[in-house]
Amino acid sequence: MSSPRGEFSSTFGFVMAAAGSAIGLGNIWGFPTQTAQNGGAAFVLFYLILTFVVGYPVLLAEFTIGRHAKSNPVGTYQKIDGGKNFVPAGFLGLFTVGFILSFYSIVAGWLTAFFVHPLLKMIGADSAAQWVVSQNTTSTVLFGSIFFILTILIVVGGIKNGIEKWSSRFMPTLLIMMLVLVGYVVTLPGAMEGVRVYLLPDFDKTMNPQLILSALGQAFFSLSLGVGGMLVYGSYTKKSENLVRLGTLVTLCDIGVAFIAGMLIIPAMYAASAAGTEIFDANGNLISEGNLIFQVLPALFDSMGTAGIVVSFLFFFLMVIAALTSSISMLEVPVAYAVDNRNMSRKKAAMLIGGFFWIVSIIIALNMSTLFSGVITLTTKYSQPILGLIICIFVGWVMNRNKLLEELKQGNPEIGNSLFMKIWPFFLKVVSPILILIVFLQSFISW
């Protein structure tokens, strides 16, 4: 019998939705350049290890307490013994994820504009094409709003007919498009140099502590931990599901897509370099993030003639999909609170809460120079690691271990005597908190 709150109808649907939440813009534009700048395959190895050391234990903790309480971050702390003092952290999570969605939709709006750009060029509307990618205030508000409305409409549809339905379509499409683009990009002049830089380890850089610190930060943030999205998705899973297995599948999907993204982005950058585009900054590092997506790659596509229009369309469609699968999980967190704790209808909750953070997004867009960077820093560098640390403390030190075990046994009856149950609590209590604390301290200290 399905829950009145809604449930994922299949393991595939859950994995696609949770993986979609984790797989966002950071995987596609952050991971590749981090890899290239930090020793290539050596960075990938550290990232792989640290994702399972710091990320997976927290991910599984969120899944477990979410399903145990069948609630949102606030409701979960209210329902589980010992959680009363942690309720403020639940509210902090609701606002943190909402403000992340507010600035995220601005970036996603730019991506949407770049997706529309080649369509306008194909019909000869060159002036309109240049306007949509100008990133002026009007264009930013317009396309950010379009993206936000899409997010709201999917969340209004509910778990099965909204989030699961579209995630199950978007994620396979994302993977297929990435593989198609990888196959094409590696044939371009200069691309194989990028493949070499990406896949061959630079052992000189493995001695640099910055490599490990960068891999640590990427491992924590790439799984979208701390802000409640994974906790809420866990609350929509059936009691018969094996959470340990689900956590492993989601983590592997996240790592896999990040790796494939590297095979797309780095060769594309070196192909752009071969075509005459500057791909290194003043310090000799590869250009990354916004400059990479909105300057380097469009320059490459422009140099490719008619083929570049098609590739640009596919690439930015891919980016919009990646952004959308993350944004729907962000909006779902406060919506779940309104539905669970305030008895609000899903449609009303999605419209009101989505509308509120949409207005916040517009305010940020109208004050980019003063608000944009500050909101990013406050939410991702400070609030998100603190929330991840709080989850470790609550599940590792406060929550009754027998209740944790009982919850995990529902989908995996033999887990009580397994090596996993001897190792996971230790990582959750000691290892993951220490590593998350290091991620947090990176915001204050120049290592």
Foldseek 3Di string as FASTA:
>chain_A
DADPQAFAPDLLLLLLLLLLQLQAPCLQFVLLQLLLQQFAVLLLVLLLVLLVLQPLLLLLLLLLLLQLQLFFLLSSLVPFPPSPVVNVLRVLLLVLLLLVLLLLLLVLLLLVLLLCLLVCVVVPVNVSSCVLNVLDLVNSLVSSVVLLVLLLVLLLLHSHRRSSVVSSVLRVLLVVLLVVLLVVLCVFPQLVVLVCSNHGGDVVSSVPVVSSLSSLLCSHSSSVGQSGLSNNSSSNYDLQAQSSVSSVSSSVSSSVSSSSSSSNQRSLLRSLVVVPDDQADPVRRGDTDPCSVSPSNLSSLVSVPPVSSVNSNSVSVSNSSSSSSNSSSSLVNQLRCCCVPVVDRSSVSSCVSSVVSSVVSSVCSVVVVPPNVVSCCCSSLASRLVSSLVSLCCSLPPGDPVSSVVSNCSNPVPCVPDPCSVPSSCSSNPVNNVSSVSSNCVSPDDD
